[in-house]
PDB file of N, CA and C in Angstrom:
ATOM      1  N   MET A   1      45.605-107.382 -57.368  1.00  0.00           N
ATOM      2  CA  MET A   1      44.557-106.409 -57.121  1.00  0.00           C
ATOM      3  C   MET A   1      43.299-106.727 -57.927  1.00  0.00           C
ATOM      4  N   ALA A   2      43.485-107.084 -59.215  1.00  0.00           N
ATOM      5  CA  ALA A   2      42.320-107.368 -60.062  1.00  0.00           C
ATOM      6  C   ALA A   2      41.556-108.578 -59.546  1.00  0.00           C
ATOM      7  N   GLN A   3      42.287-109.604 -59.069  1.00  0.00           N
ATOM      8  CA  GLN A   3      41.603-110.792 -58.554  1.00  0.00           C
ATOM      9  C   GLN A   3      40.781-110.434 -57.320  1.00  0.00           C
ATOM     10  N   GLY A   4      41.303-109.562 -56.469  1.00  0.00           N
ATOM     11  CA  GLY A   4      40.549-109.131 -55.291  1.00  0.00           C
ATOM     12  C   GLY A   4      39.271-108.408 -55.675  1.00  0.00           C
ATOM     13  N   LEU A   5      39.356-107.577 -56.703  1.00  0.00           N
ATOM     14  CA  LEU A   5      38.152-106.892 -57.182  1.00  0.00           C
ATOM     15  C   LEU A   5      37.159-107.885 -57.763  1.00  0.00           C
ATOM     16  N   ASN A   6      37.652-108.867 -58.508  1.00  0.00           N
ATOM     17  CA  ASN A   6      36.759-109.881 -59.076  1.00  0.00           C
ATOM     18  C   ASN A   6      36.044-110.651 -57.975  1.00  0.00           C
ATOM     19  N   ASP A   7      36.766-110.983 -56.897  1.00  0.00           N
ATOM     20  CA  ASP A   7      36.134-111.678 -55.771  1.00  0.00           C
ATOM     21  C   ASP A   7      35.047-110.815 -55.138  1.00  0.00           C
ATOM     22  N   ARG A   8      35.322-109.535 -55.015  1.00  0.00           N
ATOM     23  CA  ARG A   8      34.325-108.628 -54.427  1.00  0.00           C
ATOM     24  C   ARG A   8      33.093-108.516 -55.309  1.00  0.00           C
ATOM     25  N   PHE A   9      33.322-108.356 -56.594  1.00  0.00           N
ATOM     26  CA  PHE A   9      32.189-108.228 -57.515  1.00  0.00           C
ATOM     27  C   PHE A   9      31.371-109.516 -57.565  1.00  0.00           C
ATOM     28  N   ALA A  10      32.053-110.663 -57.573  1.00  0.00           N
ATOM     29  CA  ALA A  10      31.353-111.947 -57.658  1.00  0.00           C
ATOM     30  C   ALA A  10      30.498-112.197 -56.419  1.00  0.00           C
ATOM     31  N   GLY A  11      30.919-111.682 -55.275  1.00  0.00           N
ATOM     32  CA  GLY A  11      30.174-111.911 -54.040  1.00  0.00           C
ATOM     33  C   GLY A  11      29.190-110.819 -53.683  1.00  0.00           C
ATOM     34  N   ALA A  12      29.128-109.768 -54.478  1.00  0.00           N
ATOM     35  CA  ALA A  12      28.310-108.613 -54.108  1.00  0.00           C
ATOM     36  C   ALA A  12      26.817-108.928 -54.065  1.00  0.00           C
ATOM     37  N   VAL A  13      26.295-109.555 -55.100  1.00  0.00           N
ATOM     38  CA  VAL A  13      24.848-109.819 -55.152  1.00  0.00           C
ATOM     39  C   VAL A  13      24.426-110.831 -54.085  1.00  0.00           C
ATOM     40  N   PRO A  14      25.141-111.970 -53.937  1.00  0.00           N
ATOM     41  CA  PRO A  14      24.744-112.881 -52.857  1.00  0.00           C
ATOM     42  C   PRO A  14      24.859-112.238 -51.473  1.00  0.00           C
ATOM     43  N   TYR A  15      25.853-111.379 -51.282  1.00  0.00           N
ATOM     44  CA  TYR A  15      25.991-110.696 -49.994  1.00  0.00           C
ATOM     45  C   TYR A  15      24.785-109.799 -49.723  1.00  0.00           C
ATOM     46  N   LEU A  16      24.380-109.036 -50.719  1.00  0.00           N
ATOM     47  CA  LEU A  16      23.229-108.150 -50.532  1.00  0.00           C
ATOM     48  C   LEU A  16      21.947-108.936 -50.291  1.00  0.00           C
ATOM     49  N   ARG A  17      21.804-110.071 -50.958  1.00  0.00           N
ATOM     50  CA  ARG A  17      20.617-110.909 -50.724  1.00  0.00           C
ATOM     51  C   ARG A  17      20.621-111.469 -49.307  1.00  0.00           C
ATOM     52  N   ALA A  18      21.795-111.921 -48.837  1.00  0.00           N
ATOM     53  CA  ALA A  18      21.894-112.444 -47.472  1.00  0.00           C
ATOM     54  C   ALA A  18      21.604-111.343 -46.457  1.00  0.00           C
ATOM     55  N   PHE A  19      22.153-110.168 -46.694  1.00  0.00           N
ATOM     56  CA  PHE A  19      21.917-109.034 -45.797  1.00  0.00           C
ATOM     57  C   PHE A  19      20.435-108.689 -45.742  1.00  0.00           C
ATOM     58  N   ALA A  20      19.770-108.733 -46.895  1.00  0.00           N
ATOM     59  CA  ALA A  20      18.332-108.434 -46.942  1.00  0.00           C
ATOM     60  C   ALA A  20      17.535-109.449 -46.137  1.00  0.00           C
ATOM     61  N   ARG A  21      17.927-110.741 -46.194  1.00  0.00           N
ATOM     62  CA  ARG A  21      17.221-111.761 -45.412  1.00  0.00           C
ATOM     63  C   ARG A  21      17.349-111.480 -43.918  1.00  0.00           C
ATOM     64  N   VAL A  22      18.570-111.181 -43.481  1.00  0.00           N
ATOM     65  CA  VAL A  22      18.803-110.936 -42.054  1.00  0.00           C
ATOM     66  C   VAL A  22      18.104-109.656 -41.603  1.00  0.00           C
ATOM     67  N   LEU A  23      18.221-108.602 -42.382  1.00  0.00           N
ATOM     68  CA  LEU A  23      17.573-107.341 -42.028  1.00  0.00           C
ATOM     69  C   LEU A  23      16.049-107.488 -42.028  1.00  0.00           C
ATOM     70  N   GLY A  24      15.519-108.209 -43.007  1.00  0.00           N
ATOM     71  CA  GLY A  24      14.079-108.453 -43.049  1.00  0.00           C
ATOM     72  C   GLY A  24      13.603-109.219 -41.830  1.00  0.00           C
ATOM     73  N   GLY A  25      14.362-110.238 -41.433  1.00  0.00           N
ATOM     74  CA  GLY A  25      14.020-110.991 -40.228  1.00  0.00           C
ATOM     75  C   GLY A  25      14.024-110.112 -38.991  1.00  0.00           C
ATOM     76  N   HIS A  26      15.002-109.233 -38.909  1.00  0.00           N
ATOM     77  CA  HIS A  26      15.091-108.311 -37.772  1.00  0.00           C
ATOM     78  C   HIS A  26      13.848-107.426 -37.684  1.00  0.00           C
ATOM     79  N   PHE A  27      13.480-106.819 -38.792  1.00  0.00           N
ATOM     80  CA  PHE A  27      12.348-105.885 -38.753  1.00  0.00           C
ATOM     81  C   PHE A  27      11.004-106.600 -38.611  1.00  0.00           C
ATOM     82  N   HIS A  28      10.883-107.806 -39.149  1.00  0.00           N
ATOM     83  CA  HIS A  28       9.645-108.565 -38.937  1.00  0.00           C
ATOM     84  C   HIS A  28       9.508-108.950 -37.469  1.00  0.00           C
ATOM     85  N   LEU A  29      10.609-109.348 -36.852  1.00  0.00           N
ATOM     86  CA  LEU A  29      10.566-109.677 -35.429  1.00  0.00           C
ATOM     87  C   LEU A  29      10.233-108.437 -34.598  1.00  0.00           C
ATOM     88  N   LYS A  30      10.843-107.326 -34.930  1.00  0.00           N
ATOM     89  CA  LYS A  30      10.569-106.073 -34.214  1.00  0.00           C
ATOM     90  C   LYS A  30       9.095-105.685 -34.342  1.00  0.00           C
ATOM     91  N   ALA A  31       8.534-105.843 -35.535  1.00  0.00           N
ATOM     92  CA  ALA A  31       7.117-105.526 -35.748  1.00  0.00           C
ATOM     93  C   ALA A  31       6.222-106.475 -34.965  1.00  0.00           C
ATOM     94  N   ALA A  32       6.597-107.757 -34.918  1.00  0.00           N
ATOM     95  CA  ALA A  32       5.783-108.740 -34.193  1.00  0.00           C
ATOM     96  C   ALA A  32       5.801-108.481 -32.692  1.00  0.00           C
ATOM     97  N   LEU A  33       6.920-108.004 -32.185  1.00  0.00           N
ATOM     98  CA  LEU A  33       6.980-107.681 -30.757  1.00  0.00           C
ATOM     99  C   LEU A  33       6.110-106.474 -30.425  1.00  0.00           C
ATOM    100  N   ALA A  34       5.987-105.556 -31.372  1.00  0.00           N
ATOM    101  CA  ALA A  34       5.154-104.367 -31.154  1.00  0.00           C
ATOM    102  C   ALA A  34       3.676-104.650 -31.372  1.00  0.00           C
ATOM    103  N   ASP A  35       3.365-105.581 -32.286  1.00  0.00           N
ATOM    104  CA  ASP A  35       1.973-105.880 -32.639  1.00  0.00           C
ATOM    105  C   ASP A  35       1.831-107.388 -32.844  1.00  0.00           C
ATOM    106  N   PRO A  36       1.249-108.094 -31.882  1.00  0.00           N
ATOM    107  CA  PRO A  36       1.132-109.551 -31.988  1.00  0.00           C
ATOM    108  C   PRO A  36       0.400-110.041 -33.243  1.00  0.00           C
ATOM    109  N   ALA A  37      -0.392-109.197 -33.878  1.00  0.00           N
ATOM    110  CA  ALA A  37      -1.076-109.610 -35.108  1.00  0.00           C
ATOM    111  C   ALA A  37      -0.081-109.869 -36.241  1.00  0.00           C
ATOM    112  N   ARG A  38       1.114-109.333 -36.124  1.00  0.00           N
ATOM    113  CA  ARG A  38       2.132-109.524 -37.161  1.00  0.00           C
ATOM    114  C   ARG A  38       2.987-110.770 -36.926  1.00  0.00           C
ATOM    115  N   GLU A  39       2.716-111.487 -35.852  1.00  0.00           N
ATOM    116  CA  GLU A  39       3.534-112.652 -35.521  1.00  0.00           C
ATOM    117  C   GLU A  39       3.535-113.733 -36.600  1.00  0.00           C
ATOM    118  N   PRO A  40       2.399-114.068 -37.222  1.00  0.00           N
ATOM    119  CA  PRO A  40       2.452-115.107 -38.266  1.00  0.00           C
ATOM    120  C   PRO A  40       3.388-114.749 -39.426  1.00  0.00           C
ATOM    121  N   LEU A  41       3.376-113.500 -39.838  1.00  0.00           N
ATOM    122  CA  LEU A  41       4.263-113.083 -40.920  1.00  0.00           C
ATOM    123  C   LEU A  41       5.724-113.132 -40.471  1.00  0.00           C
ATOM    124  N   ALA A  42       5.987-112.696 -39.250  1.00  0.00           N
ATOM    125  CA  ALA A  42       7.351-112.750 -38.725  1.00  0.00           C
ATOM    126  C   ALA A  42       7.822-114.194 -38.605  1.00  0.00           C
ATOM    127  N   ARG A  43       6.949-115.063 -38.143  1.00  0.00           N
ATOM    128  CA  ARG A  43       7.309-116.481 -38.016  1.00  0.00           C
ATOM    129  C   ARG A  43       7.636-117.075 -39.386  1.00  0.00           C
ATOM    130  N   PHE A  44       6.827-116.739 -40.397  1.00  0.00           N
ATOM    131  CA  PHE A  44       7.088-117.213 -41.760  1.00  0.00           C
ATOM    132  C   PHE A  44       8.448-116.712 -42.244  1.00  0.00           C
ATOM    133  N   MET A  45       8.700-115.438 -42.063  1.00  0.00           N
ATOM    134  CA  MET A  45       9.962-114.852 -42.518  1.00  0.00           C
ATOM    135  C   MET A  45      11.151-115.523 -41.849  1.00  0.00           C
ATOM    136  N   ILE A  46      11.065-115.694 -40.537  1.00  0.00           N
ATOM    137  CA  ILE A  46      12.196-116.225 -39.784  1.00  0.00           C
ATOM    138  C   ILE A  46      12.403-117.712 -40.046  1.00  0.00           C
ATOM    139  N   LYS A  47      11.329-118.471 -40.168  1.00  0.00           N
ATOM    140  CA  LYS A  47      11.477-119.921 -40.358  1.00  0.00           C
ATOM    141  C   LYS A  47      11.694-120.329 -41.809  1.00  0.00           C
ATOM    142  N   ARG A  48      11.135-119.578 -42.751  1.00  0.00           N
ATOM    143  CA  ARG A  48      11.184-120.001 -44.153  1.00  0.00           C
ATOM    144  C   ARG A  48      12.183-119.221 -45.004  1.00  0.00           C
ATOM    145  N   MET A  49      12.352-117.931 -44.725  1.00  0.00           N
ATOM    146  CA  MET A  49      13.198-117.115 -45.591  1.00  0.00           C
ATOM    147  C   MET A  49      14.570-116.814 -44.990  1.00  0.00           C
ATOM    148  N   LEU A  50      14.632-116.602 -43.703  1.00  0.00           N
ATOM    149  CA  LEU A  50      15.901-116.264 -43.065  1.00  0.00           C
ATOM    150  C   LEU A  50      16.976-117.333 -43.266  1.00  0.00           C
ATOM    151  N   PRO A  51      16.658-118.630 -43.201  1.00  0.00           N
ATOM    152  CA  PRO A  51      17.709-119.632 -43.399  1.00  0.00           C
ATOM    153  C   PRO A  51      18.399-119.573 -44.766  1.00  0.00           C
ATOM    154  N   ASP A  52      17.802-118.889 -45.728  1.00  0.00           N
ATOM    155  CA  ASP A  52      18.434-118.762 -47.046  1.00  0.00           C
ATOM    156  C   ASP A  52      19.743-117.988 -46.994  1.00  0.00           C
ATOM    157  N   HIS A  53      20.010-117.277 -45.915  1.00  0.00           N
ATOM    158  CA  HIS A  53      21.243-116.491 -45.867  1.00  0.00           C
ATOM    159  C   HIS A  53      22.484-117.376 -45.788  1.00  0.00           C
ATOM    160  N   VAL A  54      22.358-118.589 -45.279  1.00  0.00           N
ATOM    161  CA  VAL A  54      23.524-119.465 -45.123  1.00  0.00           C
ATOM    162  C   VAL A  54      24.126-119.854 -46.479  1.00  0.00           C
ATOM    163  N   PRO A  55      23.353-120.416 -47.422  1.00  0.00           N
ATOM    164  CA  PRO A  55      23.966-120.730 -48.722  1.00  0.00           C
ATOM    165  C   PRO A  55      24.386-119.482 -49.498  1.00  0.00           C
ATOM    166  N   LEU A  56      23.713-118.373 -49.282  1.00  0.00           N
ATOM    167  CA  LEU A  56      24.128-117.137 -49.955  1.00  0.00           C
ATOM    168  C   LEU A  56      25.506-116.705 -49.473  1.00  0.00           C
ATOM    169  N   LEU A  57      25.768-116.828 -48.181  1.00  0.00           N
ATOM    170  CA  LEU A  57      27.090-116.463 -47.670  1.00  0.00           C
ATOM    171  C   LEU A  57      28.158-117.445 -48.138  1.00  0.00           C
ATOM    172  N   ALA A  58      27.781-118.696 -48.393  1.00  0.00           N
ATOM    173  CA  ALA A  58      28.735-119.644 -48.976  1.00  0.00           C
ATOM    174  C   ALA A  58      29.145-119.190 -50.372  1.00  0.00           C
ATOM    175  N   GLN A  59      28.206-118.651 -51.131  1.00  0.00           N
ATOM    176  CA  GLN A  59      28.534-118.114 -52.452  1.00  0.00           C
ATOM    177  C   GLN A  59      29.475-116.921 -52.331  1.00  0.00           C
ATOM    178  N   VAL A  60      29.275-116.101 -51.329  1.00  0.00           N
ATOM    179  CA  VAL A  60      30.156-114.947 -51.113  1.00  0.00           C
ATOM    180  C   VAL A  60      31.573-115.427 -50.829  1.00  0.00           C
ATOM    181  N   ARG A  61      31.702-116.434 -49.963  1.00  0.00           N
ATOM    182  CA  ARG A  61      33.029-116.938 -49.602  1.00  0.00           C
ATOM    183  C   ARG A  61      33.728-117.618 -50.767  1.00  0.00           C
ATOM    184  N   GLU A  62      32.965-118.171 -51.706  1.00  0.00           N
ATOM    185  CA  GLU A  62      33.581-118.836 -52.860  1.00  0.00           C
ATOM    186  C   GLU A  62      34.357-117.844 -53.707  1.00  0.00           C
ATOM    187  N   GLY A  63      33.903-116.624 -53.758  1.00  0.00           N
ATOM    188  CA  GLY A  63      34.585-115.612 -54.554  1.00  0.00           C
ATOM    189  C   GLY A  63      34.349-115.809 -56.038  1.00  0.00           C
ATOM    190  N   ALA A  64      35.325-115.387 -56.818  1.00  0.00           N
ATOM    191  CA  ALA A  64      35.172-115.381 -58.272  1.00  0.00           C
ATOM    192  C   ALA A  64      35.542-116.709 -58.918  1.00  0.00           C
ATOM    193  N   ALA A  65      36.121-117.632 -58.173  1.00  0.00           N
ATOM    194  CA  ALA A  65      36.599-118.881 -58.768  1.00  0.00           C
ATOM    195  C   ALA A  65      35.495-119.621 -59.512  1.00  0.00           C
ATOM    196  N   GLY A  66      34.343-119.759 -58.916  1.00  0.00           N
ATOM    197  CA  GLY A  66      33.247-120.470 -59.567  1.00  0.00           C
ATOM    198  C   GLY A  66      32.685-119.726 -60.758  1.00  0.00           C
ATOM    199  N   VAL A  67      32.699-118.410 -60.680  1.00  0.00           N
ATOM    200  CA  VAL A  67      32.168-117.604 -61.784  1.00  0.00           C
ATOM    201  C   VAL A  67      33.070-117.717 -63.004  1.00  0.00           C
ATOM    202  N   TYR A  68      34.387-117.601 -62.794  1.00  0.00           N
ATOM    203  CA  TYR A  68      35.323-117.623 -63.912  1.00  0.00           C
ATOM    204  C   TYR A  68      35.676-119.032 -64.375  1.00  0.00           C
ATOM    205  N   ALA A  69      35.240-120.052 -63.663  1.00  0.00           N
ATOM    206  CA  ALA A  69      35.485-121.429 -64.104  1.00  0.00           C
ATOM    207  C   ALA A  69      34.602-121.799 -65.288  1.00  0.00           C
ATOM    208  N   VAL A  70      33.510-121.092 -65.473  1.00  0.00           N
ATOM    209  CA  VAL A  70      32.595-121.360 -66.588  1.00  0.00           C
ATOM    210  C   VAL A  70      33.088-120.590 -67.809  1.00  0.00           C
ATOM    211  N   THR A  71      33.332-121.325 -68.886  1.00  0.00           N
ATOM    212  CA  THR A  71      33.810-120.692 -70.118  1.00  0.00           C
ATOM    213  C   THR A  71      32.628-120.252 -70.972  1.00  0.00           C
ATOM    214  N   PRO A  72      32.850-119.299 -71.862  1.00  0.00           N
ATOM    215  CA  PRO A  72      31.771-118.907 -72.777  1.00  0.00           C
ATOM    216  C   PRO A  72      31.281-120.080 -73.631  1.00  0.00           C
ATOM    217  N   GLU A  73      32.196-120.975 -73.988  1.00  0.00           N
ATOM    218  CA  GLU A  73      31.809-122.145 -74.783  1.00  0.00           C
ATOM    219  C   GLU A  73      30.855-123.044 -74.004  1.00  0.00           C
ATOM    220  N   ALA A  74      31.082-123.185 -72.707  1.00  0.00           N
ATOM    221  CA  ALA A  74      30.210-124.025 -71.882  1.00  0.00           C
ATOM    222  C   ALA A  74      28.811-123.425 -71.783  1.00  0.00           C
ATOM    223  N   LEU A  75      28.727-122.114 -71.815  1.00  0.00           N
ATOM    224  CA  LEU A  75      27.417-121.469 -71.770  1.00  0.00           C
ATOM    225  C   LEU A  75      26.638-121.683 -73.065  1.00  0.00           C
ATOM    226  N   LEU A  76      27.352-121.836 -74.165  1.00  0.00           N
ATOM    227  CA  LEU A  76      26.700-122.037 -75.459  1.00  0.00           C
ATOM    228  C   LEU A  76      26.266-123.480 -75.676  1.00  0.00           C
ATOM    229  N   ALA A  77      26.871-124.405 -74.947  1.00  0.00           N
ATOM    230  CA  ALA A  77      26.577-125.834 -75.154  1.00  0.00           C
ATOM    231  C   ALA A  77      25.228-126.220 -74.610  1.00  0.00           C
TER     232      ALA A  77
END
């Protein structure tokens, strides 16, 4: 049970960042469809920022293993 919680906690921030990228892309596209003047911003969001969700979801799938592999001693070195 504790390991499952650790996996959830370790993936929480990358998951929220990925969700924000996808949701932001959705609303920028919706705004651009309603007002063509917003198209350049929507294009920037979709082409430059939205692809960041892929590596963020890879971090979510990794779980806590990568987080707990780093020892406190390694952080001090």
